[in-house]
Amino acid sequence: MMFIRMETNNKAEAIKSWLANHRQLESQGTIADHFKKSITFVNLALNKKITTNGAERLVNEVYDYLVKKYKI
């Protein structure tokens, strides 16, 4: 599956890549806690296994959060 908007797919891939290289700063668990979502939902959204509007919104919010906090 993929999100309808290509930029959201790109953001999801960028987030996953950044998280893989910065485990000491953030993880899917800390992201889930910050956004008050389950780790499962965060994982499914980032891996594009669910592509609902809510999942797409989460990916965009996580990306914006990481850009503001870490300047990714």
N, C-alpha and C. Protein backbone atom coordinates (compact mmCIF):
# COMPACT_ATOMS: atom_id res chain seq x y z
N MET A 1 0.83 -1.19 0.00
CA MET A 1 0.00 0.00 0.00
C MET A 1 0.87 1.25 0.00
N MET A 2 0.27 2.31 -0.43
CA MET A 2 0.96 3.60 -0.39
C MET A 2 -0.08 4.66 -0.10
N PHE A 3 0.40 5.79 0.44
CA PHE A 3 -0.48 6.92 0.64
C PHE A 3 -0.81 7.54 -0.71
N ILE A 4 -1.93 8.22 -0.78
CA ILE A 4 -2.34 8.85 -2.04
C ILE A 4 -1.34 9.94 -2.43
N ARG A 5 -0.93 10.74 -1.45
CA ARG A 5 0.01 11.83 -1.73
C ARG A 5 1.44 11.30 -1.68
N MET A 6 2.16 11.49 -2.76
CA MET A 6 3.53 10.98 -2.85
C MET A 6 4.43 11.59 -1.79
N GLU A 7 4.21 12.87 -1.45
CA GLU A 7 5.07 13.51 -0.45
C GLU A 7 4.92 12.83 0.92
N THR A 8 3.74 12.27 1.21
CA THR A 8 3.57 11.57 2.47
C THR A 8 4.37 10.27 2.46
N ASN A 9 4.40 9.58 1.34
CA ASN A 9 5.23 8.38 1.22
C ASN A 9 6.70 8.71 1.45
N ASN A 10 7.14 9.81 0.86
CA ASN A 10 8.52 10.24 1.02
C ASN A 10 8.82 10.61 2.48
N LYS A 11 7.88 11.27 3.13
CA LYS A 11 8.06 11.63 4.54
C LYS A 11 8.16 10.38 5.40
N ALA A 12 7.31 9.39 5.14
CA ALA A 12 7.35 8.15 5.92
C ALA A 12 8.71 7.47 5.78
N GLU A 13 9.23 7.43 4.57
CA GLU A 13 10.55 6.82 4.35
C GLU A 13 11.65 7.63 5.04
N ALA A 14 11.55 8.95 4.98
CA ALA A 14 12.54 9.80 5.64
C ALA A 14 12.51 9.60 7.15
N ILE A 15 11.33 9.50 7.71
CA ILE A 15 11.18 9.29 9.16
C ILE A 15 11.81 7.96 9.56
N LYS A 16 11.48 6.91 8.83
CA LYS A 16 12.02 5.59 9.15
C LYS A 16 13.55 5.59 9.07
N SER A 17 14.08 6.20 8.06
CA SER A 17 15.53 6.27 7.89
C SER A 17 16.17 7.06 9.03
N TRP A 18 15.58 8.20 9.38
CA TRP A 18 16.12 9.03 10.45
C TRP A 18 16.06 8.28 11.77
N LEU A 19 14.93 7.63 12.06
CA LEU A 19 14.79 6.88 13.31
C LEU A 19 15.82 5.75 13.40
N ALA A 20 16.09 5.08 12.29
CA ALA A 20 17.06 3.99 12.29
C ALA A 20 18.46 4.48 12.65
N ASN A 21 18.76 5.71 12.29
CA ASN A 21 20.10 6.27 12.53
C ASN A 21 20.19 7.11 13.80
N HIS A 22 19.07 7.32 14.49
CA HIS A 22 19.07 8.17 15.69
C HIS A 22 18.26 7.54 16.82
N ARG A 23 18.48 6.25 17.02
CA ARG A 23 17.73 5.51 18.04
C ARG A 23 17.90 6.08 19.44
N GLN A 24 19.05 6.70 19.70
CA GLN A 24 19.29 7.26 21.03
C GLN A 24 18.46 8.52 21.27
N LEU A 25 17.95 9.15 20.23
CA LEU A 25 17.16 10.37 20.36
C LEU A 25 15.66 10.10 20.36
N GLU A 26 15.21 9.30 19.44
CA GLU A 26 13.78 9.00 19.28
C GLU A 26 13.62 7.57 18.80
N SER A 27 12.46 7.01 19.08
CA SER A 27 12.09 5.69 18.58
C SER A 27 10.60 5.72 18.25
N GLN A 28 10.12 4.65 17.68
CA GLN A 28 8.68 4.59 17.41
C GLN A 28 7.91 4.68 18.72
N GLY A 29 8.50 4.17 19.80
CA GLY A 29 7.85 4.24 21.10
C GLY A 29 7.75 5.66 21.63
N THR A 30 8.83 6.44 21.51
CA THR A 30 8.77 7.83 21.99
C THR A 30 7.86 8.67 21.11
N ILE A 31 7.85 8.36 19.82
CA ILE A 31 6.94 9.06 18.91
C ILE A 31 5.49 8.74 19.30
N ALA A 32 5.21 7.46 19.55
CA ALA A 32 3.86 7.04 19.94
C ALA A 32 3.43 7.76 21.22
N ASP A 33 4.33 7.81 22.20
CA ASP A 33 4.02 8.50 23.46
C ASP A 33 3.74 9.98 23.22
N HIS A 34 4.58 10.62 22.42
CA HIS A 34 4.43 12.06 22.17
C HIS A 34 3.09 12.38 21.52
N PHE A 35 2.67 11.55 20.57
CA PHE A 35 1.43 11.81 19.84
C PHE A 35 0.23 11.06 20.42
N LYS A 36 0.46 10.38 21.55
CA LYS A 36 -0.61 9.64 22.24
C LYS A 36 -1.29 8.63 21.32
N LYS A 37 -0.45 7.88 20.63
CA LYS A 37 -0.90 6.81 19.74
C LYS A 37 -0.22 5.52 20.18
N SER A 38 -0.73 4.39 19.72
CA SER A 38 -0.07 3.12 20.04
C SER A 38 1.16 2.95 19.15
N ILE A 39 2.12 2.20 19.67
CA ILE A 39 3.32 1.90 18.87
C ILE A 39 2.91 1.16 17.60
N THR A 40 1.93 0.29 17.72
CA THR A 40 1.45 -0.46 16.56
C THR A 40 0.94 0.48 15.47
N PHE A 41 0.13 1.47 15.86
CA PHE A 41 -0.40 2.41 14.87
C PHE A 41 0.73 3.20 14.21
N VAL A 42 1.69 3.66 15.01
CA VAL A 42 2.83 4.40 14.46
C VAL A 42 3.59 3.51 13.48
N ASN A 43 3.85 2.27 13.88
CA ASN A 43 4.58 1.34 13.01
C ASN A 43 3.83 1.09 11.71
N LEU A 44 2.54 0.82 11.80
CA LEU A 44 1.75 0.54 10.60
C LEU A 44 1.68 1.75 9.68
N ALA A 45 1.58 2.94 10.25
CA ALA A 45 1.52 4.16 9.44
C ALA A 45 2.86 4.40 8.74
N LEU A 46 3.97 4.29 9.49
CA LEU A 46 5.28 4.54 8.89
C LEU A 46 5.63 3.51 7.83
N ASN A 47 5.14 2.29 7.99
CA ASN A 47 5.41 1.24 7.01
C ASN A 47 4.33 1.15 5.94
N LYS A 48 3.41 2.10 5.96
CA LYS A 48 2.35 2.23 4.96
C LYS A 48 1.49 0.97 4.87
N LYS A 49 1.30 0.31 6.00
CA LYS A 49 0.41 -0.85 6.04
C LYS A 49 -1.04 -0.40 6.24
N ILE A 50 -1.21 0.78 6.85
CA ILE A 50 -2.51 1.43 6.88
C ILE A 50 -2.32 2.82 6.28
N THR A 51 -3.25 3.19 5.42
CA THR A 51 -3.10 4.45 4.69
C THR A 51 -4.35 5.32 4.84
N THR A 52 -4.95 5.25 6.01
CA THR A 52 -6.14 6.06 6.27
C THR A 52 -5.75 7.53 6.40
N ASN A 53 -6.75 8.40 6.44
CA ASN A 53 -6.47 9.82 6.63
C ASN A 53 -5.75 10.05 7.95
N GLY A 54 -6.14 9.31 8.99
CA GLY A 54 -5.50 9.44 10.29
C GLY A 54 -4.03 9.05 10.25
N ALA A 55 -3.72 7.98 9.53
CA ALA A 55 -2.33 7.53 9.40
C ALA A 55 -1.51 8.56 8.61
N GLU A 56 -2.11 9.09 7.57
CA GLU A 56 -1.42 10.10 6.76
C GLU A 56 -1.17 11.37 7.58
N ARG A 57 -2.15 11.76 8.36
CA ARG A 57 -2.01 12.93 9.22
C ARG A 57 -0.90 12.70 10.25
N LEU A 58 -0.84 11.49 10.82
CA LEU A 58 0.21 11.17 11.78
C LEU A 58 1.59 11.29 11.14
N VAL A 59 1.77 10.73 9.97
CA VAL A 59 3.06 10.80 9.28
C VAL A 59 3.48 12.26 9.09
N ASN A 60 2.54 13.09 8.64
CA ASN A 60 2.85 14.50 8.42
C ASN A 60 3.18 15.21 9.74
N GLU A 61 2.45 14.88 10.80
CA GLU A 61 2.70 15.50 12.10
C GLU A 61 4.06 15.06 12.67
N VAL A 62 4.38 13.78 12.53
CA VAL A 62 5.66 13.28 13.02
C VAL A 62 6.80 13.94 12.24
N TYR A 63 6.64 14.04 10.94
CA TYR A 63 7.68 14.68 10.12
C TYR A 63 7.90 16.13 10.56
N ASP A 64 6.81 16.87 10.73
CA ASP A 64 6.91 18.27 11.17
C ASP A 64 7.57 18.37 12.54
N TYR A 65 7.22 17.46 13.44
CA TYR A 65 7.80 17.42 14.79
C TYR A 65 9.31 17.20 14.71
N LEU A 66 9.75 16.22 13.91
CA LEU A 66 11.18 15.94 13.79
C LEU A 66 11.93 17.09 13.11
N VAL A 67 11.31 17.73 12.15
CA VAL A 67 11.93 18.88 11.49
C VAL A 67 12.13 20.01 12.50
N LYS A 68 11.10 20.29 13.28
CA LYS A 68 11.20 21.39 14.26
C LYS A 68 12.18 21.07 15.37
N LYS A 69 12.14 19.84 15.88
CA LYS A 69 12.96 19.49 17.04
C LYS A 69 14.41 19.18 16.67
N TYR A 70 14.63 18.47 15.55
CA TYR A 70 15.97 18.01 15.20
C TYR A 70 16.49 18.56 13.88
N LYS A 71 15.69 19.36 13.19
CA LYS A 71 16.10 19.96 11.91
C LYS A 71 16.46 18.91 10.87
N ILE A 72 15.65 17.83 10.82
CA ILE A 72 15.97 16.78 9.84
C ILE A 72 15.73 17.28 8.42
